[in-house]
Amino acid sequence: MHDKQALFDSAARVSELELFCSSCTTELARAKQTLEDAIHDHQQQLGSAREHYQRELDQRLARIAGLEEQLARHAEEVTELRTVQTADQTRLADAEKALARSRDAEARV
């Protein structure tokens, strides 16, 4: 009789453990799904942030490229203006020399 009772007790304990394991398995599956959902959400947020910052970077790079082109055009203008200025200074110096020679010639007469 004692063996029968031990067998019933063991069977009851096995049922309890099976129920507990089933509950743990369910809880583990839920926790795993929650973690997978959180990872997925985080990856989507990272992807969105990455896209946002990439767009911002692209816009800034385009702005820099535009400013570099503008700077190159301005440098060209400055070079052209300096060339004109040098030519004007040369003509002015030549005119001043011619004026000085003309005054000298008038003074001799």
C-alpha atoms as a PDB file:
ATOM      1  CA  MET A   1       0.000   0.000   0.000  1.00  0.00           C
ATOM      2  CA  HIS A   2       2.862   2.324   0.807  1.00  0.00           C
ATOM      3  CA  ASP A   3       4.298   1.827  -2.692  1.00  0.00           C
ATOM      4  CA  LYS A   4       0.934   2.659  -4.202  1.00  0.00           C
ATOM      5  CA  GLN A   5       0.746   5.875  -2.213  1.00  0.00           C
ATOM      6  CA  ALA A   6       4.317   6.774  -3.215  1.00  0.00           C
ATOM      7  CA  LEU A   7       3.380   6.109  -6.819  1.00  0.00           C
ATOM      8  CA  PHE A   8       0.298   8.370  -6.555  1.00  0.00           C
ATOM      9  CA  ASP A   9       2.408  11.047  -4.811  1.00  0.00           C
ATOM     10  CA  SER A  10       5.031  10.815  -7.547  1.00  0.00           C
ATOM     11  CA  ALA A  11       2.370  11.041 -10.246  1.00  0.00           C
ATOM     12  CA  ALA A  12       0.871  14.087  -8.525  1.00  0.00           C
ATOM     13  CA  ARG A  13       4.313  15.681  -8.233  1.00  0.00           C
ATOM     14  CA  VAL A  14       4.986  14.962 -11.933  1.00  0.00           C
ATOM     15  CA  SER A  15       1.656  16.604 -12.831  1.00  0.00           C
ATOM     16  CA  GLU A  16       2.558  19.625 -10.695  1.00  0.00           C
ATOM     17  CA  LEU A  17       5.978  19.878 -12.340  1.00  0.00           C
ATOM     18  CA  GLU A  18       4.501  19.462 -15.816  1.00  0.00           C
ATOM     19  CA  LEU A  19       1.997  22.230 -15.084  1.00  0.00           C
ATOM     20  CA  PHE A  20       4.797  24.415 -13.698  1.00  0.00           C
ATOM     21  CA  CYS A  21       6.998  23.666 -16.738  1.00  0.00           C
ATOM     22  CA  SER A  22       4.113  24.464 -19.060  1.00  0.00           C
ATOM     23  CA  SER A  23       3.583  27.768 -17.257  1.00  0.00           C
ATOM     24  CA  CYS A  24       7.317  28.546 -17.416  1.00  0.00           C
ATOM     25  CA  THR A  25       7.414  27.641 -21.099  1.00  0.00           C
ATOM     26  CA  THR A  26       4.479  29.960 -21.793  1.00  0.00           C
ATOM     27  CA  GLU A  27       6.047  32.763 -19.741  1.00  0.00           C
ATOM     28  CA  LEU A  28       9.385  32.234 -21.479  1.00  0.00           C
ATOM     29  CA  ALA A  29       7.714  32.372 -24.907  1.00  0.00           C
ATOM     30  CA  ARG A  30       5.982  35.634 -23.950  1.00  0.00           C
ATOM     31  CA  ALA A  31       9.225  37.131 -22.636  1.00  0.00           C
ATOM     32  CA  LYS A  32      11.056  36.030 -25.772  1.00  0.00           C
ATOM     33  CA  GLN A  33       8.367  37.589 -27.991  1.00  0.00           C
ATOM     34  CA  THR A  34       8.449  40.816 -25.951  1.00  0.00           C
ATOM     35  CA  LEU A  35      12.225  40.941 -26.336  1.00  0.00           C
ATOM     36  CA  GLU A  36      12.024  40.259 -30.082  1.00  0.00           C
ATOM     37  CA  ASP A  37       9.373  42.987 -30.449  1.00  0.00           C
ATOM     38  CA  ALA A  38      11.534  45.448 -28.493  1.00  0.00           C
ATOM     39  CA  ILE A  39      14.572  44.592 -30.638  1.00  0.00           C
ATOM     40  CA  HIS A  40      12.510  45.026 -33.813  1.00  0.00           C
ATOM     41  CA  ASP A  41      11.131  48.386 -32.613  1.00  0.00           C
ATOM     42  CA  HIS A  42      14.622  49.536 -31.637  1.00  0.00           C
ATOM     43  CA  GLN A  43      16.012  48.521 -35.021  1.00  0.00           C
ATOM     44  CA  GLN A  44      13.234  50.456 -36.757  1.00  0.00           C
ATOM     45  CA  GLN A  45      13.986  53.517 -34.609  1.00  0.00           C
ATOM     46  CA  LEU A  46      17.675  53.217 -35.406  1.00  0.00           C
ATOM     47  CA  GLY A  47      16.873  52.875 -39.108  1.00  0.00           C
ATOM     48  CA  SER A  48      14.669  55.965 -38.999  1.00  0.00           C
ATOM     49  CA  ALA A  49      17.311  57.931 -37.110  1.00  0.00           C
ATOM     50  CA  ARG A  50      19.992  56.760 -39.546  1.00  0.00           C
ATOM     51  CA  GLU A  51      17.842  57.851 -42.517  1.00  0.00           C
ATOM     52  CA  HIS A  52      17.162  61.222 -40.884  1.00  0.00           C
ATOM     53  CA  TYR A  53      20.819  61.898 -40.179  1.00  0.00           C
ATOM     54  CA  GLN A  54      21.834  60.659 -43.633  1.00  0.00           C
ATOM     55  CA  ARG A  55      19.369  63.096 -45.244  1.00  0.00           C
ATOM     56  CA  GLU A  56      20.690  65.884 -43.025  1.00  0.00           C
ATOM     57  CA  LEU A  57      24.284  64.975 -43.918  1.00  0.00           C
ATOM     58  CA  ASP A  58      23.441  64.853 -47.636  1.00  0.00           C
ATOM     59  CA  GLN A  59      21.809  68.288 -47.400  1.00  0.00           C
ATOM     60  CA  ARG A  60      24.840  69.727 -45.627  1.00  0.00           C
ATOM     61  CA  LEU A  61      27.214  68.176 -48.141  1.00  0.00           C
ATOM     62  CA  ALA A  62      25.147  69.622 -50.992  1.00  0.00           C
ATOM     63  CA  ARG A  63      25.235  73.027 -49.283  1.00  0.00           C
ATOM     64  CA  ILE A  64      29.020  72.757 -48.883  1.00  0.00           C
ATOM     65  CA  ALA A  65      29.388  71.801 -52.558  1.00  0.00           C
ATOM     66  CA  GLY A  66      27.272  74.823 -53.525  1.00  0.00           C
ATOM     67  CA  LEU A  67      29.367  77.111 -51.351  1.00  0.00           C
ATOM     68  CA  GLU A  68      32.570  75.681 -52.824  1.00  0.00           C
ATOM     69  CA  GLU A  69      31.266  76.392 -56.354  1.00  0.00           C
ATOM     70  CA  GLN A  70      30.296  79.906 -55.313  1.00  0.00           C
ATOM     71  CA  LEU A  71      33.726  80.425 -53.755  1.00  0.00           C
ATOM     72  CA  ALA A  72      35.402  79.241 -56.975  1.00  0.00           C
ATOM     73  CA  ARG A  73      33.299  81.695 -59.011  1.00  0.00           C
ATOM     74  CA  HIS A  74      34.157  84.525 -56.620  1.00  0.00           C
ATOM     75  CA  ALA A  75      37.847  83.632 -56.794  1.00  0.00           C
ATOM     76  CA  GLU A  76      37.608  83.816 -60.587  1.00  0.00           C
ATOM     77  CA  GLU A  77      35.922  87.224 -60.335  1.00  0.00           C
ATOM     78  CA  VAL A  78      38.627  88.461 -57.964  1.00  0.00           C
ATOM     79  CA  THR A  79      41.336  87.276 -60.369  1.00  0.00           C
ATOM     80  CA  GLU A  80      39.610  89.017 -63.273  1.00  0.00           C
ATOM     81  CA  LEU A  81      39.163  92.224 -61.258  1.00  0.00           C
ATOM     82  CA  ARG A  82      42.809  92.162 -60.183  1.00  0.00           C
ATOM     83  CA  THR A  83      43.827  91.778 -63.833  1.00  0.00           C
ATOM     84  CA  VAL A  84      41.652  94.754 -64.766  1.00  0.00           C
ATOM     85  CA  GLN A  85      43.009  96.720 -61.797  1.00  0.00           C
ATOM     86  CA  THR A  86      46.598  95.984 -62.820  1.00  0.00           C
ATOM     87  CA  ALA A  87      45.862  97.078 -66.394  1.00  0.00           C
ATOM     88  CA  ASP A  88      44.150 100.246 -65.099  1.00  0.00           C
ATOM     89  CA  GLN A  89      47.126 100.996 -62.843  1.00  0.00           C
ATOM     90  CA  THR A  90      49.481 100.517 -65.771  1.00  0.00           C
ATOM     91  CA  ARG A  91      47.394 102.847 -67.983  1.00  0.00           C
ATOM     92  CA  LEU A  92      47.220 105.403 -65.155  1.00  0.00           C
ATOM     93  CA  ALA A  93      50.981 105.283 -64.664  1.00  0.00           C
ATOM     94  CA  ASP A  94      51.497 105.636 -68.423  1.00  0.00           C
ATOM     95  CA  ALA A  95      49.060 108.592 -68.502  1.00  0.00           C
ATOM     96  CA  GLU A  96      50.821 110.254 -65.566  1.00  0.00           C
ATOM     97  CA  LYS A  97      54.178 109.829 -67.342  1.00  0.00           C
ATOM     98  CA  ALA A  98      52.719 111.240 -70.566  1.00  0.00           C
ATOM     99  CA  LEU A  99      51.254 114.168 -68.631  1.00  0.00           C
ATOM    100  CA  ALA A 100      54.591 114.805 -66.935  1.00  0.00           C
ATOM    101  CA  ARG A 101      56.392 114.760 -70.335  1.00  0.00           C
ATOM    102  CA  SER A 102      53.770 117.095 -71.767  1.00  0.00           C
ATOM    103  CA  ARG A 103      54.226 119.528 -68.874  1.00  0.00           C
ATOM    104  CA  ASP A 104      57.990 119.346 -69.270  1.00  0.00           C
ATOM    105  CA  ALA A 105      57.625 120.076 -72.995  1.00  0.00           C
ATOM    106  CA  GLU A 106      55.313 123.042 -72.297  1.00  0.00           C
ATOM    107  CA  ALA A 107      57.669 124.391 -69.694  1.00  0.00           C
ATOM    108  CA  ARG A 108      60.519 124.394 -72.210  1.00  0.00           C
ATOM    109  CA  VAL A 109      58.581 126.301 -74.735  1.00  0.00           C
END
